Protein backbone atom coordinates (compact mmCIF):
# COMPACT_ATOMS: atom_id res chain seq x y z
CA UNK A 1 63.13 4.96 25.07
CA UNK A 2 63.17 6.63 28.33
CA UNK A 3 59.35 7.12 28.35
CA UNK A 4 56.66 4.72 27.45
CA UNK A 5 54.68 5.51 24.44
CA UNK A 6 52.41 3.50 22.08
CA UNK A 7 52.11 4.45 18.57
CA UNK A 8 48.83 3.37 16.75
CA UNK A 9 48.79 3.62 12.94
CA UNK A 10 45.62 3.39 11.01
CA UNK A 11 46.06 3.52 7.30
CA UNK A 12 44.52 3.62 3.94
CA UNK A 13 45.26 0.56 1.65
CA UNK A 14 48.29 1.42 -0.55
CA UNK A 15 49.46 4.29 1.61
CA UNK A 16 52.43 2.72 2.78
CA UNK A 17 51.18 2.58 6.41
CA UNK A 18 52.62 -0.75 7.38
CA UNK A 19 56.26 -0.02 6.12
CA UNK A 20 56.05 3.39 7.82
CA UNK A 21 55.07 1.74 11.02
CA UNK A 22 57.82 -0.73 10.59
CA UNK A 23 60.38 2.07 10.00
CA UNK A 24 59.07 4.22 12.87
CA UNK A 25 59.49 1.19 15.22
CA UNK A 26 62.94 0.44 14.02
CA UNK A 27 64.19 4.03 14.35
CA UNK A 28 62.68 4.16 17.91
CA UNK A 29 63.97 0.83 18.91
CA UNK A 30 60.66 -0.63 19.97
CA UNK A 31 58.59 -3.69 18.90
CA UNK A 32 56.37 -3.55 15.78
CA UNK A 33 53.18 -5.45 15.80
CA UNK A 34 51.11 -6.08 12.60
CA UNK A 35 50.92 -9.84 11.52
CA UNK A 36 52.05 -10.96 14.90
CA UNK A 37 48.76 -9.79 16.29
CA UNK A 38 46.96 -12.23 13.73
CA UNK A 39 49.14 -15.06 14.99
CA UNK A 40 48.46 -14.07 18.72
CA UNK A 41 44.79 -13.82 18.15
CA UNK A 42 44.55 -17.23 16.45
CA UNK A 43 46.34 -18.89 19.35
CA UNK A 44 44.15 -17.06 21.92
CA UNK A 45 41.01 -17.85 20.22
CA UNK A 46 41.79 -21.42 19.03
CA UNK A 47 41.17 -20.44 15.42
CA UNK A 48 43.19 -21.08 12.25
CA UNK A 49 45.41 -18.18 11.14
CA UNK A 50 43.75 -18.45 7.70
CA UNK A 51 40.38 -17.77 9.47
CA UNK A 52 41.82 -14.91 11.44
CA UNK A 53 43.34 -13.27 8.07
CA UNK A 54 40.07 -13.74 6.11
CA UNK A 55 37.14 -13.56 8.24
CA UNK A 56 34.69 -10.56 8.24
CA UNK A 57 34.45 -9.93 11.72
CA UNK A 58 30.86 -8.66 12.91
CA UNK A 59 29.66 -7.87 16.44
CA UNK A 60 26.17 -9.17 16.76
CA UNK A 61 24.77 -6.73 19.36
CA UNK A 62 25.55 -3.96 21.69
CA UNK A 63 26.37 -6.47 24.44
CA UNK A 64 29.39 -7.65 22.50
CA UNK A 65 30.41 -3.92 21.73
CA UNK A 66 30.43 -3.16 25.36
CA UNK A 67 31.97 -6.59 26.25
CA UNK A 68 34.98 -5.89 23.98
CA UNK A 69 35.46 -2.02 24.67
CA UNK A 70 34.00 -1.72 28.19
CA UNK A 71 36.96 -3.50 29.83
CA UNK A 72 34.89 -5.96 31.76
CA UNK A 73 35.71 -8.81 29.47
CA UNK A 74 38.96 -9.36 30.94
CA UNK A 75 39.58 -12.64 32.29
CA UNK A 76 36.23 -13.81 30.98
CA UNK A 77 35.63 -17.18 29.16
CA UNK A 78 35.80 -16.45 25.47
CA UNK A 79 33.33 -18.95 24.85
CA UNK A 80 30.84 -17.41 27.19
CA UNK A 81 27.50 -15.90 26.12
CA UNK A 82 27.42 -18.06 22.96
CA UNK A 83 29.93 -16.10 21.15
CA UNK A 84 30.36 -16.73 17.54
CA UNK A 85 33.89 -17.42 16.11
CA UNK A 86 34.15 -14.00 14.78
CA UNK A 87 33.03 -12.49 18.07
CA UNK A 88 35.59 -14.74 20.04
CA UNK A 89 38.41 -13.44 17.73
CA UNK A 90 37.49 -9.85 17.94
CA UNK A 91 37.40 -9.93 21.81
CA UNK A 92 40.59 -11.88 21.89
CA UNK A 93 42.37 -9.33 19.63
CA UNK A 94 41.13 -6.43 21.81
CA UNK A 95 42.64 -8.27 24.87
CA UNK A 96 45.95 -8.89 22.87
CA UNK A 97 46.19 -5.24 21.91
CA UNK A 98 45.80 -4.11 25.65
CA UNK A 99 48.25 -6.70 26.85
CA UNK A 100 50.89 -5.65 24.33
CA UNK A 101 50.50 -1.95 25.35
CA UNK A 102 50.90 -3.02 29.06
CA UNK A 103 54.19 -4.75 28.23
CA UNK A 104 55.92 -1.72 26.92
CA UNK A 105 56.25 0.87 24.08
CA UNK A 106 55.50 -0.34 20.53
CA UNK A 107 53.97 0.41 17.31
CA UNK A 108 50.71 -1.29 16.52
CA UNK A 109 49.19 -1.22 12.90
CA UNK A 110 45.56 -1.43 12.40
CA UNK A 111 42.86 -3.55 14.21
CA UNK A 112 41.16 -0.44 15.78
CA UNK A 113 44.03 -0.23 18.25
CA UNK A 114 43.56 3.58 18.55
CA UNK A 115 40.06 3.03 19.95
CA UNK A 116 40.90 -0.16 21.96
CA UNK A 117 43.63 2.01 23.85
CA UNK A 118 41.72 5.22 23.83
CA UNK A 119 41.57 5.25 27.63
CA UNK A 120 45.33 5.50 28.05
CA UNK A 121 47.25 8.58 28.32
CA UNK A 122 50.38 7.27 26.61
CA UNK A 123 49.13 6.61 23.08
CA UNK A 124 49.82 8.59 20.03
CA UNK A 125 47.18 7.82 17.22
CA UNK A 126 48.36 8.30 13.61
CA UNK A 127 46.33 8.20 10.41
CA UNK A 128 48.24 7.56 6.92
CA UNK A 129 46.28 8.54 3.97
CA UNK A 130 47.11 9.32 0.17
CA UNK A 131 45.39 10.14 -2.92
CA UNK A 132 43.97 7.20 -5.18
CA UNK A 133 46.51 7.61 -7.77
CA UNK A 134 49.49 7.09 -5.34
CA UNK A 135 47.78 4.24 -3.49
CA UNK A 136 47.05 2.56 -6.95
CA UNK A 137 50.61 2.80 -8.04
CA UNK A 138 51.71 1.31 -4.58
CA UNK A 139 49.24 -1.56 -4.89
CA UNK A 140 50.52 -2.41 -8.32
CA UNK A 141 54.36 -2.07 -7.56
CA UNK A 142 54.27 -3.30 -3.94
CA UNK A 143 51.51 -5.93 -3.74
CA UNK A 144 51.54 -7.11 -7.34
CA UNK A 145 47.83 -6.13 -7.88
CA UNK A 146 46.68 -6.35 -11.63
CA UNK A 147 47.02 -2.69 -13.05
CA UNK A 148 43.57 -3.09 -14.53
CA UNK A 149 42.09 -3.95 -11.23
CA UNK A 150 44.20 -2.04 -8.79
CA UNK A 151 42.11 1.19 -8.43
CA UNK A 152 38.93 -0.81 -7.76
CA UNK A 153 40.90 -3.07 -5.26
CA UNK A 154 42.12 0.02 -3.35
CA UNK A 155 38.66 1.54 -3.19
CA UNK A 156 37.07 -1.93 -2.10
CA UNK A 157 39.67 -2.42 0.75
CA UNK A 158 39.49 1.08 1.85
CA UNK A 159 35.56 0.63 2.18
CA UNK A 160 36.02 -2.54 3.99
CA UNK A 161 38.47 -0.91 6.52
CA UNK A 162 36.03 2.14 6.94
CA UNK A 163 33.06 -0.16 7.52
CA UNK A 164 35.04 -2.49 9.82
CA UNK A 165 36.18 0.52 12.02
CA UNK A 166 33.06 2.42 12.02
CA UNK A 167 31.01 -0.66 13.08
CA UNK A 168 33.41 -1.76 15.73
CA UNK A 169 34.15 1.60 17.39
CA UNK A 170 30.90 3.68 16.46
CA UNK A 171 33.37 6.28 15.13
CA UNK A 172 34.34 7.35 11.72
CA UNK A 173 37.43 5.85 10.26
CA UNK A 174 39.92 8.69 8.85
CA UNK A 175 38.05 11.36 10.91
CA UNK A 176 40.74 13.70 12.04
CA UNK A 177 39.04 14.14 15.36
CA UNK A 178 40.04 10.58 16.13
CA UNK A 179 43.82 10.91 15.77
CA UNK A 180 46.69 13.11 16.90
CA UNK A 181 48.38 13.19 13.54
CA UNK A 182 47.13 12.64 9.92
CA UNK A 183 49.67 12.47 7.24
CA UNK A 184 49.58 12.27 3.52
CA UNK A 185 52.42 9.79 2.62
CA UNK A 186 51.81 10.38 -1.11
CA UNK A 187 52.62 14.07 -0.73
CA UNK A 188 55.35 13.69 2.04
CA UNK A 189 56.99 10.32 0.95
CA UNK A 190 57.48 7.34 3.12
CA UNK A 191 60.75 8.75 4.58
CA UNK A 192 59.60 11.98 5.54
CA UNK A 193 56.36 10.63 7.04
CA UNK A 194 58.46 8.20 9.17
CA UNK A 195 60.66 11.21 10.36
CA UNK A 196 57.67 13.32 11.16
CA UNK A 197 56.20 10.56 13.49
CA UNK A 198 59.46 9.76 15.00
CA UNK A 199 60.15 13.51 15.75
CA UNK A 200 56.62 13.81 17.20
CA UNK A 201 57.12 10.75 19.49
CA UNK A 202 60.40 12.29 20.71
CA UNK A 203 58.76 15.61 21.39
CA UNK A 204 55.97 13.93 23.21
CA UNK A 205 58.36 12.15 25.34
CA UNK A 206 60.41 15.30 26.01
CA UNK A 207 57.26 17.21 27.06
CA UNK A 208 56.07 14.56 29.34
CA UNK A 209 59.36 14.65 31.11
CA UNK A 210 59.61 18.43 31.36
């Protein structure tokens, strides 16, 4: 790509957001970050990958929210201010996302990346959603969820993602005002959703160069 752009993808569970992000990155020829961020966060915070995958991260107070999103945590000791393990992990993840964005164009899935990078002017924020029936079918076929439990699992996971995002960012997960583009992957299909995002990125780059 001739012009640097970072694409962040937030997604509902079962909407296909991860595979969409992977395909977008492949078509654009840029790095894709999803699980890699988990591994980097574990390495930076000194925590086990399993903890990073499973922990319910919670910021204890406004100081930690400002520390993570205000930018002045950069270079700070992650063990400072008696941070909990979850706090250290969260701040480490924020720093990793900012560093990845500095390195060059990429696609980043989840982890409040749209908010972490909101001060940049080279970011396109995408939200992928779908109806419950479509998400439930994907949860069964793609993730092997028990058909009798799939709908409940989808709703539970979406609730967790919403609570996680709302708490960390003090914004509302899925609110169209927080994103440049919101796409219904159940209606459009994965490939059409990918093409729309890729075309949007290319048009964005073209307009920036004009």
